[in-house]
Every structure is written in structure tokens, then in C-alpha cells.
């Protein structure tokens, strides 16, 4: 079995009334694009990444920053 990881859409603007249709369509479009190539959707995983500040930023007291990163996992036989 082969696996393929694709970054999920990062920033999706949604309307204030709670309509998440654009977000759902963005994910669906990406999944449909990958499954069209013979890949099967497996899961969506959330990974927390951290980044150290640069030299100058650490001199000014900046700490590590954490980023939530979502990726879509596909599989193929």
C-alpha cells in the first residue's frame, strides 16, 4: 500500500452567519482532485509544528511559535 499526504487548505474565510459551505467545498474539491488520480481518501491528520525564532527575534524575547497543520492522507494499492 502507498500513502500520499497533501496539505489541507490553510485559510478559508467563512461568513459570519455560520455558513461553512465554502470551507466544505474547498476540502471536497481537493479530495475529488486527488481521488480522480486513483487515490483513496484515508484520513485528515492535524500536526502541531513549532518554529524557533531567529537570532534577532530571540534577542527581543520572542518565543517559539506553534502552528496547527492539517494534511489529507490518501492511499493506493
PDB file of N, CA and C in Angstrom:
ATOM      1  N   UNK A   1       0.851  -1.177   0.000  1.00  0.00           N
ATOM      2  CA  UNK A   1       0.000   0.000   0.000  1.00  0.00           C
ATOM      3  C   UNK A   1       0.893   1.235   0.000  1.00  0.00           C
ATOM      4  N   UNK A   2       0.534   2.230  -0.804  1.00  0.00           N
ATOM      5  CA  UNK A   2       1.238   3.510  -0.854  1.00  0.00           C
ATOM      6  C   UNK A   2       0.379   4.565  -0.166  1.00  0.00           C
ATOM      7  N   UNK A   3       1.040   5.551   0.415  1.00  0.00           N
ATOM      8  CA  UNK A   3       0.336   6.667   1.034  1.00  0.00           C
ATOM      9  C   UNK A   3       0.856   7.974   0.463  1.00  0.00           C
ATOM     10  N   UNK A   4      -0.028   8.941   0.418  1.00  0.00           N
ATOM     11  CA  UNK A   4       0.314  10.260  -0.103  1.00  0.00           C
ATOM     12  C   UNK A   4      -0.308  11.294   0.840  1.00  0.00           C
ATOM     13  N   UNK A   5       0.465  12.301   1.212  1.00  0.00           N
ATOM     14  CA  UNK A   5      -0.031  13.371   2.089  1.00  0.00           C
ATOM     15  C   UNK A   5      -0.099  14.674   1.303  1.00  0.00           C
ATOM     16  N   UNK A   6      -1.218  15.366   1.453  1.00  0.00           N
ATOM     17  CA  UNK A   6      -1.446  16.625   0.742  1.00  0.00           C
ATOM     18  C   UNK A   6      -1.857  17.673   1.768  1.00  0.00           C
ATOM     19  N   UNK A   7      -1.244  18.865   1.738  1.00  0.00           N
ATOM     20  CA  UNK A   7      -1.656  19.895   2.691  1.00  0.00           C
ATOM     21  C   UNK A   7      -3.125  20.271   2.482  1.00  0.00           C
ATOM     22  N   UNK A   8      -3.854  20.382   3.567  1.00  0.00           N
ATOM     23  CA  UNK A   8      -5.246  20.824   3.504  1.00  0.00           C
ATOM     24  C   UNK A   8      -5.268  22.334   3.270  1.00  0.00           C
ATOM     25  N   UNK A   9      -6.375  22.871   2.766  1.00  0.00           N
ATOM     26  CA  UNK A   9      -6.461  24.330   2.604  1.00  0.00           C
ATOM     27  C   UNK A   9      -6.156  25.019   3.932  1.00  0.00           C
ATOM     28  N   UNK A  10      -5.327  26.054   3.892  1.00  0.00           N
ATOM     29  CA  UNK A  10      -4.870  26.698   5.128  1.00  0.00           C
ATOM     30  C   UNK A  10      -5.842  27.733   5.659  1.00  0.00           C
ATOM     31  N   UNK A  11      -6.194  28.681   4.839  1.00  0.00           N
ATOM     32  CA  UNK A  11      -7.045  29.766   5.317  1.00  0.00           C
ATOM     33  C   UNK A  11      -8.277  29.856   4.432  1.00  0.00           C
ATOM     34  N   UNK A  12      -9.408  29.646   5.065  1.00  0.00           N
ATOM     35  CA  UNK A  12     -10.671  29.720   4.347  1.00  0.00           C
ATOM     36  C   UNK A  12     -11.545  30.709   5.088  1.00  0.00           C
ATOM     37  N   UNK A  13     -11.956  31.743   4.404  1.00  0.00           N
ATOM     38  CA  UNK A  13     -12.810  32.756   5.028  1.00  0.00           C
ATOM     39  C   UNK A  13     -14.259  32.280   4.961  1.00  0.00           C
ATOM     40  N   UNK A  14     -14.940  32.350   6.088  1.00  0.00           N
ATOM     41  CA  UNK A  14     -16.350  31.966   6.134  1.00  0.00           C
ATOM     42  C   UNK A  14     -17.188  33.165   6.563  1.00  0.00           C
ATOM     43  N   UNK A  15     -18.439  33.138   6.172  1.00  0.00           N
ATOM     44  CA  UNK A  15     -19.324  34.245   6.519  1.00  0.00           C
ATOM     45  C   UNK A  15     -19.675  34.188   8.002  1.00  0.00           C
ATOM     46  N   UNK A  16     -20.121  35.276   8.518  1.00  0.00           N
ATOM     47  CA  UNK A  16     -20.394  35.403   9.937  1.00  0.00           C
ATOM     48  C   UNK A  16     -21.583  34.576  10.411  1.00  0.00           C
ATOM     49  N   UNK A  17     -22.514  34.287   9.553  1.00  0.00           N
ATOM     50  CA  UNK A  17     -23.713  33.569   9.946  1.00  0.00           C
ATOM     51  C   UNK A  17     -23.513  32.080  10.164  1.00  0.00           C
ATOM     52  N   UNK A  18     -22.300  31.584  10.067  1.00  0.00           N
ATOM     53  CA  UNK A  18     -22.050  30.177  10.312  1.00  0.00           C
ATOM     54  C   UNK A  18     -22.192  29.309   9.079  1.00  0.00           C
ATOM     55  N   UNK A  19     -22.187  29.918   7.887  1.00  0.00           N
ATOM     56  CA  UNK A  19     -22.258  29.138   6.654  1.00  0.00           C
ATOM     57  C   UNK A  19     -20.852  28.660   6.307  1.00  0.00           C
ATOM     58  N   UNK A  20     -20.621  27.377   6.467  1.00  0.00           N
ATOM     59  CA  UNK A  20     -19.302  26.818   6.207  1.00  0.00           C
ATOM     60  C   UNK A  20     -19.222  26.156   4.844  1.00  0.00           C
ATOM     61  N   UNK A  21     -20.141  26.501   3.957  1.00  0.00           N
ATOM     62  CA  UNK A  21     -20.196  25.894   2.629  1.00  0.00           C
ATOM     63  C   UNK A  21     -18.912  26.045   1.846  1.00  0.00           C
ATOM     64  N   UNK A  22     -18.283  27.228   1.882  1.00  0.00           N
ATOM     65  CA  UNK A  22     -17.037  27.441   1.141  1.00  0.00           C
ATOM     66  C   UNK A  22     -15.921  26.535   1.670  1.00  0.00           C
ATOM     67  N   UNK A  23     -15.857  26.383   2.984  1.00  0.00           N
ATOM     68  CA  UNK A  23     -14.832  25.526   3.575  1.00  0.00           C
ATOM     69  C   UNK A  23     -15.047  24.071   3.157  1.00  0.00           C
ATOM     70  N   UNK A  24     -16.290  23.632   3.223  1.00  0.00           N
ATOM     71  CA  UNK A  24     -16.608  22.255   2.849  1.00  0.00           C
ATOM     72  C   UNK A  24     -16.283  22.017   1.382  1.00  0.00           C
ATOM     73  N   UNK A  25     -16.636  22.971   0.521  1.00  0.00           N
ATOM     74  CA  UNK A  25     -16.347  22.836  -0.914  1.00  0.00           C
ATOM     75  C   UNK A  25     -14.841  22.803  -1.183  1.00  0.00           C
ATOM     76  N   UNK A  26     -14.062  23.608  -0.453  1.00  0.00           N
ATOM     77  CA  UNK A  26     -12.602  23.607  -0.647  1.00  0.00           C
ATOM     78  C   UNK A  26     -12.007  22.243  -0.351  1.00  0.00           C
ATOM     79  N   UNK A  27     -12.444  21.642   0.756  1.00  0.00           N
ATOM     80  CA  UNK A  27     -11.948  20.315   1.101  1.00  0.00           C
ATOM     81  C   UNK A  27     -12.444  19.279   0.094  1.00  0.00           C
ATOM     82  N   UNK A  28     -13.713  19.355  -0.264  1.00  0.00           N
ATOM     83  CA  UNK A  28     -14.281  18.393  -1.220  1.00  0.00           C
ATOM     84  C   UNK A  28     -13.582  18.489  -2.570  1.00  0.00           C
ATOM     85  N   UNK A  29     -13.315  19.705  -3.037  1.00  0.00           N
ATOM     86  CA  UNK A  29     -12.633  19.879  -4.324  1.00  0.00           C
ATOM     87  C   UNK A  29     -11.250  19.239  -4.298  1.00  0.00           C
ATOM     88  N   UNK A  30     -10.529  19.458  -3.207  1.00  0.00           N
ATOM     89  CA  UNK A  30      -9.188  18.895  -3.089  1.00  0.00           C
ATOM     90  C   UNK A  30      -9.245  17.367  -3.025  1.00  0.00           C
ATOM     91  N   UNK A  31     -10.178  16.823  -2.262  1.00  0.00           N
ATOM     92  CA  UNK A  31     -10.320  15.366  -2.167  1.00  0.00           C
ATOM     93  C   UNK A  31     -10.710  14.783  -3.521  1.00  0.00           C
ATOM     94  N   UNK A  32     -11.656  15.410  -4.203  1.00  0.00           N
ATOM     95  CA  UNK A  32     -12.075  14.924  -5.523  1.00  0.00           C
ATOM     96  C   UNK A  32     -10.938  14.975  -6.536  1.00  0.00           C
ATOM     97  N   UNK A  33     -10.123  16.011  -6.449  1.00  0.00           N
ATOM     98  CA  UNK A  33      -8.977  16.138  -7.359  1.00  0.00           C
ATOM     99  C   UNK A  33      -8.009  14.971  -7.162  1.00  0.00           C
ATOM    100  N   UNK A  34      -7.715  14.627  -5.917  1.00  0.00           N
ATOM    101  CA  UNK A  34      -6.767  13.544  -5.639  1.00  0.00           C
ATOM    102  C   UNK A  34      -7.365  12.170  -5.942  1.00  0.00           C
ATOM    103  N   UNK A  35      -8.637  11.962  -5.624  1.00  0.00           N
ATOM    104  CA  UNK A  35      -9.237  10.655  -5.881  1.00  0.00           C
ATOM    105  C   UNK A  35      -9.418  10.413  -7.374  1.00  0.00           C
ATOM    106  N   UNK A  36      -9.462  11.489  -8.151  1.00  0.00           N
ATOM    107  CA  UNK A  36      -9.529  11.343  -9.604  1.00  0.00           C
ATOM    108  C   UNK A  36      -8.285  10.687 -10.167  1.00  0.00           C
ATOM    109  N   UNK A  37      -7.180  10.760  -9.434  1.00  0.00           N
ATOM    110  CA  UNK A  37      -5.936  10.144  -9.870  1.00  0.00           C
ATOM    111  C   UNK A  37      -5.750   8.730  -9.343  1.00  0.00           C
ATOM    112  N   UNK A  38      -6.824   8.129  -8.842  1.00  0.00           N
ATOM    113  CA  UNK A  38      -6.737   6.757  -8.363  1.00  0.00           C
ATOM    114  C   UNK A  38      -6.428   6.617  -6.882  1.00  0.00           C
ATOM    115  N   UNK A  39      -6.278   7.738  -6.175  1.00  0.00           N
ATOM    116  CA  UNK A  39      -6.009   7.688  -4.744  1.00  0.00           C
ATOM    117  C   UNK A  39      -7.318   7.612  -3.982  1.00  0.00           C
ATOM    118  N   UNK A  40      -7.315   6.935  -2.843  1.00  0.00           N
ATOM    119  CA  UNK A  40      -8.482   6.796  -1.986  1.00  0.00           C
ATOM    120  C   UNK A  40      -8.269   7.641  -0.734  1.00  0.00           C
ATOM    121  N   UNK A  41      -9.270   8.440  -0.364  1.00  0.00           N
ATOM    122  CA  UNK A  41      -9.143   9.255   0.844  1.00  0.00           C
ATOM    123  C   UNK A  41      -9.028   8.336   2.055  1.00  0.00           C
ATOM    124  N   UNK A  42      -8.040   8.608   2.892  1.00  0.00           N
ATOM    125  CA  UNK A  42      -7.803   7.785   4.077  1.00  0.00           C
ATOM    126  C   UNK A  42      -8.191   8.530   5.349  1.00  0.00           C
ATOM    127  N   UNK A  43      -7.654   9.740   5.555  1.00  0.00           N
ATOM    128  CA  UNK A  43      -7.940  10.492   6.777  1.00  0.00           C
ATOM    129  C   UNK A  43      -7.422  11.919   6.668  1.00  0.00           C
ATOM    130  N   UNK A  44      -7.815  12.733   7.642  1.00  0.00           N
ATOM    131  CA  UNK A  44      -7.243  14.066   7.788  1.00  0.00           C
ATOM    132  C   UNK A  44      -6.534  14.086   9.134  1.00  0.00           C
ATOM    133  N   UNK A  45      -5.287  14.489   9.131  1.00  0.00           N
ATOM    134  CA  UNK A  45      -4.481  14.488  10.343  1.00  0.00           C
ATOM    135  C   UNK A  45      -4.076  15.914  10.694  1.00  0.00           C
ATOM    136  N   UNK A  46      -4.043  16.210  11.995  1.00  0.00           N
ATOM    137  CA  UNK A  46      -3.615  17.506  12.496  1.00  0.00           C
ATOM    138  C   UNK A  46      -2.260  17.321  13.161  1.00  0.00           C
ATOM    139  N   UNK A  47      -1.287  18.082  12.700  1.00  0.00           N
ATOM    140  CA  UNK A  47       0.063  18.002  13.241  1.00  0.00           C
ATOM    141  C   UNK A  47       0.413  19.378  13.791  1.00  0.00           C
ATOM    142  N   UNK A  48       1.007  19.407  14.969  1.00  0.00           N
ATOM    143  CA  UNK A  48       1.437  20.672  15.555  1.00  0.00           C
ATOM    144  C   UNK A  48       2.921  20.846  15.245  1.00  0.00           C
ATOM    145  N   UNK A  49       3.236  21.917  14.546  1.00  0.00           N
ATOM    146  CA  UNK A  49       4.620  22.242  14.204  1.00  0.00           C
ATOM    147  C   UNK A  49       5.070  23.399  15.093  1.00  0.00           C
ATOM    148  N   UNK A  50       6.345  23.438  15.401  1.00  0.00           N
ATOM    149  CA  UNK A  50       6.842  24.590  16.143  1.00  0.00           C
ATOM    150  C   UNK A  50       8.062  25.131  15.436  1.00  0.00           C
ATOM    151  N   UNK A  51       8.220  26.436  15.574  1.00  0.00           N
ATOM    152  CA  UNK A  51       9.300  27.123  14.871  1.00  0.00           C
ATOM    153  C   UNK A  51      10.050  27.997  15.857  1.00  0.00           C
ATOM    154  N   UNK A  52      11.372  27.849  15.883  1.00  0.00           N
ATOM    155  CA  UNK A  52      12.203  28.678  16.754  1.00  0.00           C
ATOM    156  C   UNK A  52      12.314  30.079  16.146  1.00  0.00           C
ATOM    157  N   UNK A  53      12.388  31.105  16.977  1.00  0.00           N
ATOM    158  CA  UNK A  53      12.586  32.454  16.436  1.00  0.00           C
ATOM    159  C   UNK A  53      14.014  32.608  15.907  1.00  0.00           C
ATOM    160  N   UNK A  54      14.189  33.544  15.021  1.00  0.00           N
ATOM    161  CA  UNK A  54      15.525  33.823  14.506  1.00  0.00           C
ATOM    162  C   UNK A  54      16.376  34.520  15.555  1.00  0.00           C
ATOM    163  N   UNK A  55      17.629  34.779  15.233  1.00  0.00           N
ATOM    164  CA  UNK A  55      18.568  35.375  16.196  1.00  0.00           C
ATOM    165  C   UNK A  55      18.079  36.723  16.725  1.00  0.00           C
ATOM    166  N   UNK A  56      17.686  37.600  15.832  1.00  0.00           N
ATOM    167  CA  UNK A  56      17.252  38.934  16.249  1.00  0.00           C
ATOM    168  C   UNK A  56      15.958  38.865  17.058  1.00  0.00           C
ATOM    169  N   UNK A  57      15.028  38.029  16.615  1.00  0.00           N
ATOM    170  CA  UNK A  57      13.755  37.899  17.333  1.00  0.00           C
ATOM    171  C   UNK A  57      13.976  37.352  18.736  1.00  0.00           C
ATOM    172  N   UNK A  58      14.911  36.393  18.903  1.00  0.00           N
ATOM    173  CA  UNK A  58      15.145  35.875  20.245  1.00  0.00           C
ATOM    174  C   UNK A  58      15.800  36.903  21.149  1.00  0.00           C
ATOM    175  N   UNK A  59      16.587  37.805  20.579  1.00  0.00           N
ATOM    176  CA  UNK A  59      17.157  38.888  21.392  1.00  0.00           C
ATOM    177  C   UNK A  59      16.061  39.774  21.974  1.00  0.00           C
ATOM    178  N   UNK A  60      14.962  39.912  21.251  1.00  0.00           N
ATOM    179  CA  UNK A  60      13.843  40.726  21.722  1.00  0.00           C
ATOM    180  C   UNK A  60      12.814  39.909  22.504  1.00  0.00           C
ATOM    181  N   UNK A  61      13.171  38.666  22.853  1.00  0.00           N
ATOM    182  CA  UNK A  61      12.338  37.867  23.728  1.00  0.00           C
ATOM    183  C   UNK A  61      11.255  37.044  23.067  1.00  0.00           C
ATOM    184  N   UNK A  62      11.265  36.975  21.750  1.00  0.00           N
ATOM    185  CA  UNK A  62      10.239  36.168  21.075  1.00  0.00           C
ATOM    186  C   UNK A  62      10.465  34.697  21.371  1.00  0.00           C
ATOM    187  N   UNK A  63       9.394  33.975  21.665  1.00  0.00           N
ATOM    188  CA  UNK A  63       9.443  32.544  21.968  1.00  0.00           C
ATOM    189  C   UNK A  63       9.087  31.742  20.716  1.00  0.00           C
ATOM    190  N   UNK A  64       9.131  30.407  20.855  1.00  0.00           N
ATOM    191  CA  UNK A  64       8.726  29.556  19.736  1.00  0.00           C
ATOM    192  C   UNK A  64       7.272  29.842  19.386  1.00  0.00           C
ATOM    193  N   UNK A  65       6.950  29.620  18.127  1.00  0.00           N
ATOM    194  CA  UNK A  65       5.547  29.736  17.723  1.00  0.00           C
ATOM    195  C   UNK A  65       5.068  28.359  17.282  1.00  0.00           C
ATOM    196  N   UNK A  66       3.809  28.099  17.558  1.00  0.00           N
ATOM    197  CA  UNK A  66       3.207  26.813  17.237  1.00  0.00           C
ATOM    198  C   UNK A  66       2.173  27.005  16.141  1.00  0.00           C
ATOM    199  N   UNK A  67       2.153  26.073  15.212  1.00  0.00           N
ATOM    200  CA  UNK A  67       1.248  26.143  14.072  1.00  0.00           C
ATOM    201  C   UNK A  67       0.518  24.814  13.959  1.00  0.00           C
ATOM    202  N   UNK A  68      -0.801  24.864  13.848  1.00  0.00           N
ATOM    203  CA  UNK A  68      -1.574  23.654  13.569  1.00  0.00           C
ATOM    204  C   UNK A  68      -1.584  23.451  12.062  1.00  0.00           C
ATOM    205  N   UNK A  69      -1.151  22.291  11.635  1.00  0.00           N
ATOM    206  CA  UNK A  69      -1.037  21.984  10.219  1.00  0.00           C
ATOM    207  C   UNK A  69      -1.912  20.775   9.927  1.00  0.00           C
ATOM    208  N   UNK A  70      -2.838  20.913   9.011  1.00  0.00           N
ATOM    209  CA  UNK A  70      -3.714  19.804   8.627  1.00  0.00           C
ATOM    210  C   UNK A  70      -3.258  19.234   7.295  1.00  0.00           C
ATOM    211  N   UNK A  71      -3.267  17.916   7.228  1.00  0.00           N
ATOM    212  CA  UNK A  71      -2.940  17.278   5.960  1.00  0.00           C
ATOM    213  C   UNK A  71      -3.948  16.173   5.689  1.00  0.00           C
ATOM    214  N   UNK A  72      -4.214  15.993   4.424  1.00  0.00           N
ATOM    215  CA  UNK A  72      -5.116  14.947   3.976  1.00  0.00           C
ATOM    216  C   UNK A  72      -4.260  13.758   3.555  1.00  0.00           C
ATOM    217  N   UNK A  73      -4.627  12.569   4.011  1.00  0.00           N
ATOM    218  CA  UNK A  73      -3.870  11.360   3.718  1.00  0.00           C
ATOM    219  C   UNK A  73      -4.688  10.509   2.747  1.00  0.00           C
ATOM    220  N   UNK A  74      -4.033  10.072   1.684  1.00  0.00           N
ATOM    221  CA  UNK A  74      -4.648   9.227   0.661  1.00  0.00           C
ATOM    222  C   UNK A  74      -3.877   7.922   0.566  1.00  0.00           C
ATOM    223  N   UNK A  75      -4.528   6.881   0.129  1.00  0.00           N
ATOM    224  CA  UNK A  75      -3.843   5.596  -0.030  1.00  0.00           C
ATOM    225  C   UNK A  75      -4.157   5.012  -1.406  1.00  0.00           C
ATOM    226  N   UNK A  76      -3.272   4.113  -1.826  1.00  0.00           N
ATOM    227  CA  UNK A  76      -3.438   3.440  -3.127  1.00  0.00           C
ATOM    228  C   UNK A  76      -2.825   2.054  -2.997  1.00  0.00           C
ATOM    229  N   UNK A  77      -3.508   1.055  -3.570  1.00  0.00           N
ATOM    230  CA  UNK A  77      -2.983  -0.322  -3.543  1.00  0.00           C
ATOM    231  C   UNK A  77      -1.869  -0.489  -4.537  1.00  0.00           C
TER     232      UNK A  77
END
